[in-house]
C-alpha cells in the first residue's frame, strides 16, 4: 500500500487497487534484466522453433526473442513468482510467433496475386 508521508494516512495507488503483493514492476524482488534474459532465452528459442517453420525461424526467430524482451523491459509484467514470469514470456513469444506467421501468409498471398 502507498502511504502519504505527510500525515501517515493510507492512500490508493494510481490504478485505484491496493497493492498487497510484491511484484516485479514496483520493486521488491525484481530480478536483473540480464538474469531473466540469460535464464529464459533457451526456453523461448525452443518455444519459437516449435511454432515457426524452419525458414521463418532462421529469418526472424532471434528478432522475435528480442521483441519479447523489449516488451519485458518497457513494461514488466505484474507477477508473483518465477512460474508466472515464465508463462508471461512464453505467452508473449507465442503471440509474436503467430503474428509473424500471419504476416508471412499475407506476404505469400500478395506475391501470388502480384504474379498474375
PDB file of N, CA and C in Angstrom:
ATOM      1  N   UNK A   1       0.832  -1.177   0.000  1.00  0.00           N
ATOM      2  CA  UNK A   1       0.000   0.000   0.000  1.00  0.00           C
ATOM      3  C   UNK A   1       0.882   1.247   0.000  1.00  0.00           C
ATOM      4  N   UNK A   2       0.391   2.262  -0.634  1.00  0.00           N
ATOM      5  CA  UNK A   2       1.092   3.531  -0.627  1.00  0.00           C
ATOM      6  C   UNK A   2       0.717   4.282   0.635  1.00  0.00           C
ATOM      7  N   UNK A   3       1.645   5.007   1.175  1.00  0.00           N
ATOM      8  CA  UNK A   3       1.331   5.836   2.331  1.00  0.00           C
ATOM      9  C   UNK A   3       1.605   7.273   1.993  1.00  0.00           C
ATOM     10  N   UNK A   4       0.811   8.128   2.555  1.00  0.00           N
ATOM     11  CA  UNK A   4       1.019   9.545   2.410  1.00  0.00           C
ATOM     12  C   UNK A   4       1.949   9.956   3.539  1.00  0.00           C
ATOM     13  N   UNK A   5       3.166  10.342   3.209  1.00  0.00           N
ATOM     14  CA  UNK A   5       4.156  10.616   4.237  1.00  0.00           C
ATOM     15  C   UNK A   5       3.833  11.857   5.060  1.00  0.00           C
ATOM     16  N   UNK A   6       3.002  12.737   4.517  1.00  0.00           N
ATOM     17  CA  UNK A   6       2.692  13.970   5.233  1.00  0.00           C
ATOM     18  C   UNK A   6       1.893  13.687   6.501  1.00  0.00           C
ATOM     19  N   UNK A   7       0.857  12.854   6.412  1.00  0.00           N
ATOM     20  CA  UNK A   7       0.034  12.624   7.594  1.00  0.00           C
ATOM     21  C   UNK A   7      -0.039  11.156   7.996  1.00  0.00           C
ATOM     22  N   UNK A   8       0.657  10.281   7.291  1.00  0.00           N
ATOM     23  CA  UNK A   8       0.688   8.875   7.659  1.00  0.00           C
ATOM     24  C   UNK A   8      -0.539   8.092   7.244  1.00  0.00           C
ATOM     25  N   UNK A   9      -1.511   8.737   6.582  1.00  0.00           N
ATOM     26  CA  UNK A   9      -2.720   8.031   6.158  1.00  0.00           C
ATOM     27  C   UNK A   9      -2.437   7.229   4.890  1.00  0.00           C
ATOM     28  N   UNK A  10      -3.182   6.150   4.735  1.00  0.00           N
ATOM     29  CA  UNK A  10      -3.024   5.335   3.535  1.00  0.00           C
ATOM     30  C   UNK A  10      -3.762   5.994   2.376  1.00  0.00           C
ATOM     31  N   UNK A  11      -3.141   5.948   1.205  1.00  0.00           N
ATOM     32  CA  UNK A  11      -3.825   6.444   0.018  1.00  0.00           C
ATOM     33  C   UNK A  11      -3.796   5.367  -1.054  1.00  0.00           C
ATOM     34  N   UNK A  12      -4.749   5.426  -1.951  1.00  0.00           N
ATOM     35  CA  UNK A  12      -4.841   4.420  -3.006  1.00  0.00           C
ATOM     36  C   UNK A  12      -3.737   4.640  -4.030  1.00  0.00           C
ATOM     37  N   UNK A  13      -3.236   3.564  -4.605  1.00  0.00           N
ATOM     38  CA  UNK A  13      -2.256   3.699  -5.674  1.00  0.00           C
ATOM     39  C   UNK A  13      -2.914   4.305  -6.913  1.00  0.00           C
ATOM     40  N   UNK A  14      -2.134   4.691  -7.904  1.00  0.00           N
ATOM     41  CA  UNK A  14      -2.692   5.348  -9.085  1.00  0.00           C
ATOM     42  C   UNK A  14      -3.767   4.545  -9.809  1.00  0.00           C
ATOM     43  N   UNK A  15      -3.696   3.219  -9.802  1.00  0.00           N
ATOM     44  CA  UNK A  15      -4.697   2.421 -10.507  1.00  0.00           C
ATOM     45  C   UNK A  15      -5.944   2.171  -9.664  1.00  0.00           C
ATOM     46  N   UNK A  16      -5.967   2.632  -8.427  1.00  0.00           N
ATOM     47  CA  UNK A  16      -7.133   2.501  -7.572  1.00  0.00           C
ATOM     48  C   UNK A  16      -7.243   1.180  -6.834  1.00  0.00           C
ATOM     49  N   UNK A  17      -6.350   0.228  -7.098  1.00  0.00           N
ATOM     50  CA  UNK A  17      -6.391  -1.062  -6.422  1.00  0.00           C
ATOM     51  C   UNK A  17      -5.277  -1.142  -5.397  1.00  0.00           C
ATOM     52  N   UNK A  18      -5.534  -1.711  -4.235  1.00  0.00           N
ATOM     53  CA  UNK A  18      -4.469  -1.845  -3.242  1.00  0.00           C
ATOM     54  C   UNK A  18      -3.411  -2.836  -3.711  1.00  0.00           C
ATOM     55  N   UNK A  19      -2.179  -2.529  -3.410  1.00  0.00           N
ATOM     56  CA  UNK A  19      -1.072  -3.411  -3.771  1.00  0.00           C
ATOM     57  C   UNK A  19      -0.679  -4.219  -2.548  1.00  0.00           C
ATOM     58  N   UNK A  20      -1.198  -5.433  -2.453  1.00  0.00           N
ATOM     59  CA  UNK A  20      -0.947  -6.237  -1.270  1.00  0.00           C
ATOM     60  C   UNK A  20       0.118  -7.291  -1.506  1.00  0.00           C
ATOM     61  N   UNK A  21       0.644  -7.401  -2.731  1.00  0.00           N
ATOM     62  CA  UNK A  21       1.638  -8.423  -3.014  1.00  0.00           C
ATOM     63  C   UNK A  21       2.840  -7.798  -3.689  1.00  0.00           C
ATOM     64  N   UNK A  22       4.013  -8.348  -3.455  1.00  0.00           N
ATOM     65  CA  UNK A  22       5.184  -7.840  -4.170  1.00  0.00           C
ATOM     66  C   UNK A  22       5.124  -8.297  -5.620  1.00  0.00           C
ATOM     67  N   UNK A  23       5.572  -7.478  -6.501  1.00  0.00           N
ATOM     68  CA  UNK A  23       5.648  -7.878  -7.897  1.00  0.00           C
ATOM     69  C   UNK A  23       6.816  -7.176  -8.551  1.00  0.00           C
ATOM     70  N   UNK A  24       7.135  -7.613  -9.751  1.00  0.00           N
ATOM     71  CA  UNK A  24       8.341  -7.150 -10.405  1.00  0.00           C
ATOM     72  C   UNK A  24       8.289  -5.674 -10.809  1.00  0.00           C
ATOM     73  N   UNK A  25       7.109  -5.140 -11.040  1.00  0.00           N
ATOM     74  CA  UNK A  25       7.045  -3.798 -11.579  1.00  0.00           C
ATOM     75  C   UNK A  25       7.412  -2.729 -10.555  1.00  0.00           C
ATOM     76  N   UNK A  26       7.011  -2.851  -9.319  1.00  0.00           N
ATOM     77  CA  UNK A  26       7.212  -1.762  -8.375  1.00  0.00           C
ATOM     78  C   UNK A  26       8.256  -2.044  -7.307  1.00  0.00           C
ATOM     79  N   UNK A  27       9.053  -3.040  -7.496  1.00  0.00           N
ATOM     80  CA  UNK A  27      10.101  -3.256  -6.509  1.00  0.00           C
ATOM     81  C   UNK A  27       9.958  -4.587  -5.810  1.00  0.00           C
ATOM     82  N   UNK A  28      10.608  -4.688  -4.695  1.00  0.00           N
ATOM     83  CA  UNK A  28      10.605  -5.963  -4.001  1.00  0.00           C
ATOM     84  C   UNK A  28      11.643  -6.872  -4.608  1.00  0.00           C
ATOM     85  N   UNK A  29      11.211  -7.999  -5.102  1.00  0.00           N
ATOM     86  CA  UNK A  29      12.141  -8.979  -5.657  1.00  0.00           C
ATOM     87  C   UNK A  29      12.245  -8.830  -7.179  1.00  0.00           C
ATOM     88  N   UNK A  30      12.838  -7.754  -7.619  1.00  0.00           N
ATOM     89  CA  UNK A  30      12.998  -7.503  -9.051  1.00  0.00           C
ATOM     90  C   UNK A  30      14.271  -8.188  -9.533  1.00  0.00           C
ATOM     91  N   UNK A  31      14.140  -9.174 -10.426  1.00  0.00           N
ATOM     92  CA  UNK A  31      15.351  -9.817 -10.937  1.00  0.00           C
ATOM     93  C   UNK A  31      16.024  -8.896 -11.948  1.00  0.00           C
ATOM     94  N   UNK A  32      17.330  -8.911 -12.009  1.00  0.00           N
ATOM     95  CA  UNK A  32      18.020  -8.096 -13.005  1.00  0.00           C
ATOM     96  C   UNK A  32      17.651  -8.564 -14.413  1.00  0.00           C
ATOM     97  N   UNK A  33      17.561  -7.615 -15.330  1.00  0.00           N
ATOM     98  CA  UNK A  33      17.167  -7.934 -16.709  1.00  0.00           C
ATOM     99  C   UNK A  33      18.079  -9.000 -17.300  1.00  0.00           C
ATOM    100  N   UNK A  34      19.392  -8.855 -17.108  1.00  0.00           N
ATOM    101  CA  UNK A  34      20.336  -9.811 -17.687  1.00  0.00           C
ATOM    102  C   UNK A  34      20.113 -11.225 -17.157  1.00  0.00           C
ATOM    103  N   UNK A  35      19.747 -11.344 -15.897  1.00  0.00           N
ATOM    104  CA  UNK A  35      19.499 -12.670 -15.323  1.00  0.00           C
ATOM    105  C   UNK A  35      18.265 -13.310 -15.956  1.00  0.00           C
ATOM    106  N   UNK A  36      17.206 -12.521 -16.145  1.00  0.00           N
ATOM    107  CA  UNK A  36      15.990 -13.028 -16.787  1.00  0.00           C
ATOM    108  C   UNK A  36      16.306 -13.420 -18.223  1.00  0.00           C
ATOM    109  N   UNK A  37      17.045 -12.569 -18.921  1.00  0.00           N
ATOM    110  CA  UNK A  37      17.399 -12.845 -20.322  1.00  0.00           C
ATOM    111  C   UNK A  37      18.192 -14.149 -20.431  1.00  0.00           C
ATOM    112  N   UNK A  38      19.239 -14.268 -19.634  1.00  0.00           N
ATOM    113  CA  UNK A  38      20.093 -15.465 -19.701  1.00  0.00           C
ATOM    114  C   UNK A  38      19.322 -16.737 -19.356  1.00  0.00           C
ATOM    115  N   UNK A  39      18.395 -16.638 -18.414  1.00  0.00           N
ATOM    116  CA  UNK A  39      17.667 -17.826 -17.980  1.00  0.00           C
ATOM    117  C   UNK A  39      16.611 -18.276 -18.987  1.00  0.00           C
ATOM    118  N   UNK A  40      15.944 -17.327 -19.643  1.00  0.00           N
ATOM    119  CA  UNK A  40      14.779 -17.684 -20.449  1.00  0.00           C
ATOM    120  C   UNK A  40      15.002 -17.700 -21.958  1.00  0.00           C
ATOM    121  N   UNK A  41      16.130 -17.227 -22.461  1.00  0.00           N
ATOM    122  CA  UNK A  41      16.364 -17.261 -23.914  1.00  0.00           C
ATOM    123  C   UNK A  41      16.319 -18.688 -24.463  1.00  0.00           C
ATOM    124  N   UNK A  42      16.978 -19.676 -23.848  1.00  0.00           N
ATOM    125  CA  UNK A  42      16.886 -21.039 -24.399  1.00  0.00           C
ATOM    126  C   UNK A  42      15.449 -21.569 -24.447  1.00  0.00           C
ATOM    127  N   UNK A  43      14.665 -21.275 -23.436  1.00  0.00           N
ATOM    128  CA  UNK A  43      13.269 -21.711 -23.405  1.00  0.00           C
ATOM    129  C   UNK A  43      12.480 -21.071 -24.546  1.00  0.00           C
ATOM    130  N   UNK A  44      12.673 -19.773 -24.756  1.00  0.00           N
ATOM    131  CA  UNK A  44      11.942 -19.083 -25.819  1.00  0.00           C
ATOM    132  C   UNK A  44      12.380 -19.559 -27.194  1.00  0.00           C
ATOM    133  N   UNK A  45      13.644 -19.881 -27.362  1.00  0.00           N
ATOM    134  CA  UNK A  45      14.108 -20.433 -28.645  1.00  0.00           C
ATOM    135  C   UNK A  45      13.389 -21.757 -28.938  1.00  0.00           C
ATOM    136  N   UNK A  46      13.307 -22.626 -27.922  1.00  0.00           N
ATOM    137  CA  UNK A  46      12.619 -23.905 -28.119  1.00  0.00           C
ATOM    138  C   UNK A  46      11.147 -23.684 -28.450  1.00  0.00           C
ATOM    139  N   UNK A  47      10.529 -22.761 -27.763  1.00  0.00           N
ATOM    140  CA  UNK A  47       9.111 -22.451 -27.994  1.00  0.00           C
ATOM    141  C   UNK A  47       8.897 -21.968 -29.428  1.00  0.00           C
ATOM    142  N   UNK A  48       9.724 -21.035 -29.882  1.00  0.00           N
ATOM    143  CA  UNK A  48       9.563 -20.491 -31.229  1.00  0.00           C
ATOM    144  C   UNK A  48       9.898 -21.519 -32.303  1.00  0.00           C
ATOM    145  N   UNK A  49      10.885 -22.363 -32.048  1.00  0.00           N
ATOM    146  CA  UNK A  49      11.216 -23.420 -33.016  1.00  0.00           C
ATOM    147  C   UNK A  49      10.060 -24.399 -33.184  1.00  0.00           C
ATOM    148  N   UNK A  50       9.295 -24.602 -32.130  1.00  0.00           N
ATOM    149  CA  UNK A  50       8.149 -25.496 -32.212  1.00  0.00           C
ATOM    150  C   UNK A  50       6.968 -24.902 -32.955  1.00  0.00           C
ATOM    151  N   UNK A  51       6.892 -23.586 -33.037  1.00  0.00           N
ATOM    152  CA  UNK A  51       5.761 -22.920 -33.677  1.00  0.00           C
ATOM    153  C   UNK A  51       6.075 -22.539 -35.122  1.00  0.00           C
ATOM    154  N   UNK A  52       7.254 -21.979 -35.341  1.00  0.00           N
ATOM    155  CA  UNK A  52       7.592 -21.428 -36.653  1.00  0.00           C
ATOM    156  C   UNK A  52       8.223 -22.477 -37.569  1.00  0.00           C
ATOM    157  N   UNK A  53       7.944 -22.382 -38.865  1.00  0.00           N
ATOM    158  CA  UNK A  53       8.675 -23.236 -39.797  1.00  0.00           C
ATOM    159  C   UNK A  53      10.159 -22.871 -39.783  1.00  0.00           C
ATOM    160  N   UNK A  54      10.998 -23.802 -40.158  1.00  0.00           N
ATOM    161  CA  UNK A  54      12.445 -23.599 -40.072  1.00  0.00           C
ATOM    162  C   UNK A  54      12.896 -22.343 -40.826  1.00  0.00           C
ATOM    163  N   UNK A  55      12.341 -22.125 -42.006  1.00  0.00           N
ATOM    164  CA  UNK A  55      12.765 -20.968 -42.802  1.00  0.00           C
ATOM    165  C   UNK A  55      12.413 -19.654 -42.110  1.00  0.00           C
ATOM    166  N   UNK A  56      11.240 -19.583 -41.508  1.00  0.00           N
ATOM    167  CA  UNK A  56      10.839 -18.353 -40.823  1.00  0.00           C
ATOM    168  C   UNK A  56      11.620 -18.181 -39.521  1.00  0.00           C
ATOM    169  N   UNK A  57      11.870 -19.283 -38.794  1.00  0.00           N
ATOM    170  CA  UNK A  57      12.644 -19.168 -37.554  1.00  0.00           C
ATOM    171  C   UNK A  57      14.050 -18.671 -37.845  1.00  0.00           C
ATOM    172  N   UNK A  58      14.680 -19.208 -38.891  1.00  0.00           N
ATOM    173  CA  UNK A  58      16.047 -18.782 -39.194  1.00  0.00           C
ATOM    174  C   UNK A  58      16.092 -17.318 -39.608  1.00  0.00           C
ATOM    175  N   UNK A  59      15.005 -16.823 -40.210  1.00  0.00           N
ATOM    176  CA  UNK A  59      14.970 -15.429 -40.651  1.00  0.00           C
ATOM    177  C   UNK A  59      14.573 -14.478 -39.526  1.00  0.00           C
ATOM    178  N   UNK A  60      13.624 -14.878 -38.694  1.00  0.00           N
ATOM    179  CA  UNK A  60      13.049 -13.934 -37.735  1.00  0.00           C
ATOM    180  C   UNK A  60      13.058 -14.404 -36.289  1.00  0.00           C
ATOM    181  N   UNK A  61      13.536 -15.584 -35.999  1.00  0.00           N
ATOM    182  CA  UNK A  61      13.457 -16.125 -34.644  1.00  0.00           C
ATOM    183  C   UNK A  61      14.141 -15.268 -33.594  1.00  0.00           C
ATOM    184  N   UNK A  62      15.378 -14.869 -33.845  1.00  0.00           N
ATOM    185  CA  UNK A  62      16.104 -14.053 -32.866  1.00  0.00           C
ATOM    186  C   UNK A  62      15.483 -12.666 -32.719  1.00  0.00           C
ATOM    187  N   UNK A  63      14.952 -12.132 -33.816  1.00  0.00           N
ATOM    188  CA  UNK A  63      14.276 -10.837 -33.738  1.00  0.00           C
ATOM    189  C   UNK A  63      13.040 -10.920 -32.846  1.00  0.00           C
ATOM    190  N   UNK A  64      12.310 -12.012 -32.951  1.00  0.00           N
ATOM    191  CA  UNK A  64      11.123 -12.186 -32.113  1.00  0.00           C
ATOM    192  C   UNK A  64      11.504 -12.302 -30.636  1.00  0.00           C
ATOM    193  N   UNK A  65      12.589 -12.997 -30.353  1.00  0.00           N
ATOM    194  CA  UNK A  65      13.050 -13.092 -28.964  1.00  0.00           C
ATOM    195  C   UNK A  65      13.413 -11.708 -28.440  1.00  0.00           C
ATOM    196  N   UNK A  66      14.068 -10.913 -29.260  1.00  0.00           N
ATOM    197  CA  UNK A  66      14.411  -9.552 -28.845  1.00  0.00           C
ATOM    198  C   UNK A  66      13.152  -8.721 -28.601  1.00  0.00           C
ATOM    199  N   UNK A  67      12.124  -8.927 -29.417  1.00  0.00           N
ATOM    200  CA  UNK A  67      10.867  -8.204 -29.213  1.00  0.00           C
ATOM    201  C   UNK A  67      10.207  -8.598 -27.896  1.00  0.00           C
ATOM    202  N   UNK A  68      10.307  -9.872 -27.539  1.00  0.00           N
ATOM    203  CA  UNK A  68       9.746 -10.326 -26.259  1.00  0.00           C
ATOM    204  C   UNK A  68      10.441  -9.610 -25.102  1.00  0.00           C
ATOM    205  N   UNK A  69      11.771  -9.552 -25.151  1.00  0.00           N
ATOM    206  CA  UNK A  69      12.492  -8.916 -24.054  1.00  0.00           C
ATOM    207  C   UNK A  69      12.387  -7.395 -24.094  1.00  0.00           C
ATOM    208  N   UNK A  70      12.135  -6.839 -25.260  1.00  0.00           N
ATOM    209  CA  UNK A  70      11.856  -5.409 -25.329  1.00  0.00           C
ATOM    210  C   UNK A  70      10.538  -5.110 -24.627  1.00  0.00           C
ATOM    211  N   UNK A  71       9.532  -5.953 -24.854  1.00  0.00           N
ATOM    212  CA  UNK A  71       8.254  -5.798 -24.155  1.00  0.00           C
ATOM    213  C   UNK A  71       8.451  -5.946 -22.641  1.00  0.00           C
ATOM    214  N   UNK A  72       9.306  -6.875 -22.236  1.00  0.00           N
ATOM    215  CA  UNK A  72       9.594  -7.070 -20.809  1.00  0.00           C
ATOM    216  C   UNK A  72      10.286  -5.843 -20.222  1.00  0.00           C
ATOM    217  N   UNK A  73      11.222  -5.255 -20.979  1.00  0.00           N
ATOM    218  CA  UNK A  73      11.960  -4.093 -20.476  1.00  0.00           C
ATOM    219  C   UNK A  73      11.078  -2.847 -20.402  1.00  0.00           C
ATOM    220  N   UNK A  74      10.192  -2.685 -21.379  1.00  0.00           N
ATOM    221  CA  UNK A  74       9.340  -1.489 -21.416  1.00  0.00           C
ATOM    222  C   UNK A  74       8.260  -1.552 -20.347  1.00  0.00           C
ATOM    223  N   UNK A  75       7.607  -2.694 -20.240  1.00  0.00           N
ATOM    224  CA  UNK A  75       6.522  -2.834 -19.271  1.00  0.00           C
ATOM    225  C   UNK A  75       6.583  -4.224 -18.650  1.00  0.00           C
ATOM    226  N   UNK A  76       7.353  -4.373 -17.590  1.00  0.00           N
ATOM    227  CA  UNK A  76       7.469  -5.689 -16.949  1.00  0.00           C
ATOM    228  C   UNK A  76       6.112  -6.179 -16.444  1.00  0.00           C
ATOM    229  N   UNK A  77       5.894  -7.468 -16.486  1.00  0.00           N
ATOM    230  CA  UNK A  77       4.602  -7.996 -16.038  1.00  0.00           C
ATOM    231  C   UNK A  77       4.461  -7.936 -14.521  1.00  0.00           C
ATOM    232  N   UNK A  78       3.222  -7.912 -14.083  1.00  0.00           N
ATOM    233  CA  UNK A  78       2.934  -7.986 -12.650  1.00  0.00           C
ATOM    234  C   UNK A  78       2.767  -9.460 -12.329  1.00  0.00           C
ATOM    235  N   UNK A  79       3.781 -10.046 -11.696  1.00  0.00           N
ATOM    236  CA  UNK A  79       3.765 -11.471 -11.388  1.00  0.00           C
ATOM    237  C   UNK A  79       4.203 -11.692  -9.949  1.00  0.00           C
ATOM    238  N   UNK A  80       3.801 -12.830  -9.421  1.00  0.00           N
ATOM    239  CA  UNK A  80       4.160 -13.174  -8.039  1.00  0.00           C
ATOM    240  C   UNK A  80       5.313 -14.164  -7.964  1.00  0.00           C
ATOM    241  N   UNK A  81       5.551 -14.903  -9.037  1.00  0.00           N
ATOM    242  CA  UNK A  81       6.558 -15.955  -8.961  1.00  0.00           C
ATOM    243  C   UNK A  81       7.286 -16.096 -10.292  1.00  0.00           C
ATOM    244  N   UNK A  82       8.346 -16.888 -10.260  1.00  0.00           N
ATOM    245  CA  UNK A  82       9.088 -17.169 -11.481  1.00  0.00           C
ATOM    246  C   UNK A  82       8.238 -17.948 -12.476  1.00  0.00           C
ATOM    247  N   UNK A  83       7.341 -18.801 -11.982  1.00  0.00           N
ATOM    248  CA  UNK A  83       6.475 -19.571 -12.881  1.00  0.00           C
ATOM    249  C   UNK A  83       5.549 -18.643 -13.662  1.00  0.00           C
ATOM    250  N   UNK A  84       5.037 -17.618 -13.024  1.00  0.00           N
ATOM    251  CA  UNK A  84       4.181 -16.659 -13.722  1.00  0.00           C
ATOM    252  C   UNK A  84       4.981 -15.844 -14.731  1.00  0.00           C
ATOM    253  N   UNK A  85       6.208 -15.495 -14.384  1.00  0.00           N
ATOM    254  CA  UNK A  85       7.069 -14.775 -15.322  1.00  0.00           C
ATOM    255  C   UNK A  85       7.338 -15.650 -16.541  1.00  0.00           C
ATOM    256  N   UNK A  86       7.624 -16.921 -16.316  1.00  0.00           N
ATOM    257  CA  UNK A  86       7.872 -17.857 -17.411  1.00  0.00           C
ATOM    258  C   UNK A  86       6.646 -17.952 -18.317  1.00  0.00           C
ATOM    259  N   UNK A  87       5.469 -18.079 -17.740  1.00  0.00           N
ATOM    260  CA  UNK A  87       4.237 -18.147 -18.533  1.00  0.00           C
ATOM    261  C   UNK A  87       4.017 -16.862 -19.327  1.00  0.00           C
ATOM    262  N   UNK A  88       4.288 -15.713 -18.708  1.00  0.00           N
ATOM    263  CA  UNK A  88       4.126 -14.442 -19.409  1.00  0.00           C
ATOM    264  C   UNK A  88       5.066 -14.365 -20.608  1.00  0.00           C
ATOM    265  N   UNK A  89       6.323 -14.718 -20.424  1.00  0.00           N
ATOM    266  CA  UNK A  89       7.291 -14.677 -21.526  1.00  0.00           C
ATOM    267  C   UNK A  89       6.886 -15.622 -22.656  1.00  0.00           C
ATOM    268  N   UNK A  90       6.438 -16.821 -22.317  1.00  0.00           N
ATOM    269  CA  UNK A  90       6.016 -17.778 -23.339  1.00  0.00           C
ATOM    270  C   UNK A  90       4.781 -17.267 -24.076  1.00  0.00           C
ATOM    271  N   UNK A  91       3.842 -16.680 -23.350  1.00  0.00           N
ATOM    272  CA  UNK A  91       2.631 -16.150 -23.976  1.00  0.00           C
ATOM    273  C   UNK A  91       2.967 -15.038 -24.969  1.00  0.00           C
ATOM    274  N   UNK A  92       3.855 -14.142 -24.567  1.00  0.00           N
ATOM    275  CA  UNK A  92       4.254 -13.056 -25.470  1.00  0.00           C
ATOM    276  C   UNK A  92       4.991 -13.626 -26.678  1.00  0.00           C
ATOM    277  N   UNK A  93       5.866 -14.595 -26.469  1.00  0.00           N
ATOM    278  CA  UNK A  93       6.600 -15.209 -27.581  1.00  0.00           C
ATOM    279  C   UNK A  93       5.646 -15.904 -28.549  1.00  0.00           C
ATOM    280  N   UNK A  94       4.679 -16.634 -28.031  1.00  0.00           N
ATOM    281  CA  UNK A  94       3.701 -17.299 -28.897  1.00  0.00           C
ATOM    282  C   UNK A  94       2.896 -16.291 -29.693  1.00  0.00           C
ATOM    283  N   UNK A  95       2.484 -15.225 -29.042  1.00  0.00           N
ATOM    284  CA  UNK A  95       1.718 -14.187 -29.722  1.00  0.00           C
ATOM    285  C   UNK A  95       2.524 -13.574 -30.871  1.00  0.00           C
ATOM    286  N   UNK A  96       3.779 -13.283 -30.604  1.00  0.00           N
ATOM    287  CA  UNK A  96       4.637 -12.702 -31.644  1.00  0.00           C
ATOM    288  C   UNK A  96       4.905 -13.708 -32.757  1.00  0.00           C
ATOM    289  N   UNK A  97       5.022 -14.988 -32.424  1.00  0.00           N
ATOM    290  CA  UNK A  97       5.235 -16.017 -33.440  1.00  0.00           C
ATOM    291  C   UNK A  97       4.013 -16.139 -34.349  1.00  0.00           C
ATOM    292  N   UNK A  98       2.825 -16.153 -33.757  1.00  0.00           N
ATOM    293  CA  UNK A  98       1.616 -16.250 -34.577  1.00  0.00           C
ATOM    294  C   UNK A  98       1.430 -15.003 -35.440  1.00  0.00           C
ATOM    295  N   UNK A  99       1.810 -13.847 -34.929  1.00  0.00           N
ATOM    296  CA  UNK A  99       1.766 -12.623 -35.743  1.00  0.00           C
ATOM    297  C   UNK A  99       2.727 -12.727 -36.924  1.00  0.00           C
ATOM    298  N   UNK A 100       3.912 -13.273 -36.688  1.00  0.00           N
ATOM    299  CA  UNK A 100       4.892 -13.449 -37.771  1.00  0.00           C
ATOM    300  C   UNK A 100       4.364 -14.429 -38.815  1.00  0.00           C
ATOM    301  N   UNK A 101       3.682 -15.488 -38.368  1.00  0.00           N
ATOM    302  CA  UNK A 101       3.088 -16.436 -39.315  1.00  0.00           C
ATOM    303  C   UNK A 101       2.010 -15.772 -40.167  1.00  0.00           C
ATOM    304  N   UNK A 102       1.174 -14.945 -39.533  1.00  0.00           N
ATOM    305  CA  UNK A 102       0.141 -14.228 -40.287  1.00  0.00           C
ATOM    306  C   UNK A 102       0.764 -13.289 -41.313  1.00  0.00           C
ATOM    307  N   UNK A 103       1.814 -12.575 -40.905  1.00  0.00           N
ATOM    308  CA  UNK A 103       2.486 -11.660 -41.836  1.00  0.00           C
ATOM    309  C   UNK A 103       3.102 -12.421 -42.997  1.00  0.00           C
ATOM    310  N   UNK A 104       3.708 -13.571 -42.714  1.00  0.00           N
ATOM    311  CA  UNK A 104       4.306 -14.365 -43.785  1.00  0.00           C
ATOM    312  C   UNK A 104       3.220 -14.847 -44.752  1.00  0.00           C
ATOM    313  N   UNK A 105       2.092 -15.277 -44.226  1.00  0.00           N
ATOM    314  CA  UNK A 105       0.995 -15.733 -45.064  1.00  0.00           C
ATOM    315  C   UNK A 105       0.488 -14.598 -45.952  1.00  0.00           C
ATOM    316  N   UNK A 106       0.380 -13.390 -45.394  1.00  0.00           N
ATOM    317  CA  UNK A 106      -0.051 -12.239 -46.182  1.00  0.00           C
ATOM    318  C   UNK A 106       0.958 -11.915 -47.277  1.00  0.00           C
ATOM    319  N   UNK A 107       2.261 -11.968 -46.942  1.00  0.00           N
ATOM    320  CA  UNK A 107       3.290 -11.700 -47.955  1.00  0.00           C
ATOM    321  C   UNK A 107       3.229 -12.735 -49.067  1.00  0.00           C
ATOM    322  N   UNK A 108       3.015 -13.991 -48.719  1.00  0.00           N
ATOM    323  CA  UNK A 108       2.930 -15.054 -49.714  1.00  0.00           C
ATOM    324  C   UNK A 108       1.725 -14.838 -50.617  1.00  0.00           C
ATOM    325  N   UNK A 109       0.570 -14.510 -50.038  1.00  0.00           N
ATOM    326  CA  UNK A 109      -0.636 -14.271 -50.829  1.00  0.00           C
ATOM    327  C   UNK A 109      -0.471 -13.069 -51.744  1.00  0.00           C
ATOM    328  N   UNK A 110       0.171 -12.019 -51.267  1.00  0.00           N
ATOM    329  CA  UNK A 110       0.371 -10.824 -52.087  1.00  0.00           C
ATOM    330  C   UNK A 110       1.317 -11.136 -53.248  1.00  0.00           C
ATOM    331  N   UNK A 111       2.308 -11.959 -53.028  1.00  0.00           N
ATOM    332  CA  UNK A 111       3.248 -12.326 -54.087  1.00  0.00           C
ATOM    333  C   UNK A 111       2.534 -13.125 -55.174  1.00  0.00           C
ATOM    334  N   UNK A 112       1.663 -14.025 -54.790  1.00  0.00           N
ATOM    335  CA  UNK A 112       0.924 -14.837 -55.761  1.00  0.00           C
ATOM    336  C   UNK A 112       0.007 -13.947 -56.579  1.00  0.00           C
ATOM    337  N   UNK A 113      -0.692 -13.020 -55.963  1.00  0.00           N
ATOM    338  CA  UNK A 113      -1.597 -12.115 -56.666  1.00  0.00           C
ATOM    339  C   UNK A 113      -0.800 -11.195 -57.602  1.00  0.00           C
ATOM    340  N   UNK A 114       0.344 -10.695 -57.166  1.00  0.00           N
ATOM    341  CA  UNK A 114       1.153  -9.810 -57.993  1.00  0.00           C
ATOM    342  C   UNK A 114       1.727 -10.507 -59.213  1.00  0.00           C
ATOM    343  N   UNK A 115       1.866 -11.836 -59.166  1.00  0.00           N
ATOM    344  CA  UNK A 115       2.470 -12.544 -60.286  1.00  0.00           C
ATOM    345  C   UNK A 115       1.519 -12.704 -61.472  1.00  0.00           C
ATOM    346  N   UNK A 116       0.231 -12.472 -61.265  1.00  0.00           N
ATOM    347  CA  UNK A 116      -0.732 -12.580 -62.371  1.00  0.00           C
ATOM    348  C   UNK A 116      -0.596 -11.394 -63.216  1.00  0.00           C
TER     349      UNK A 116
END
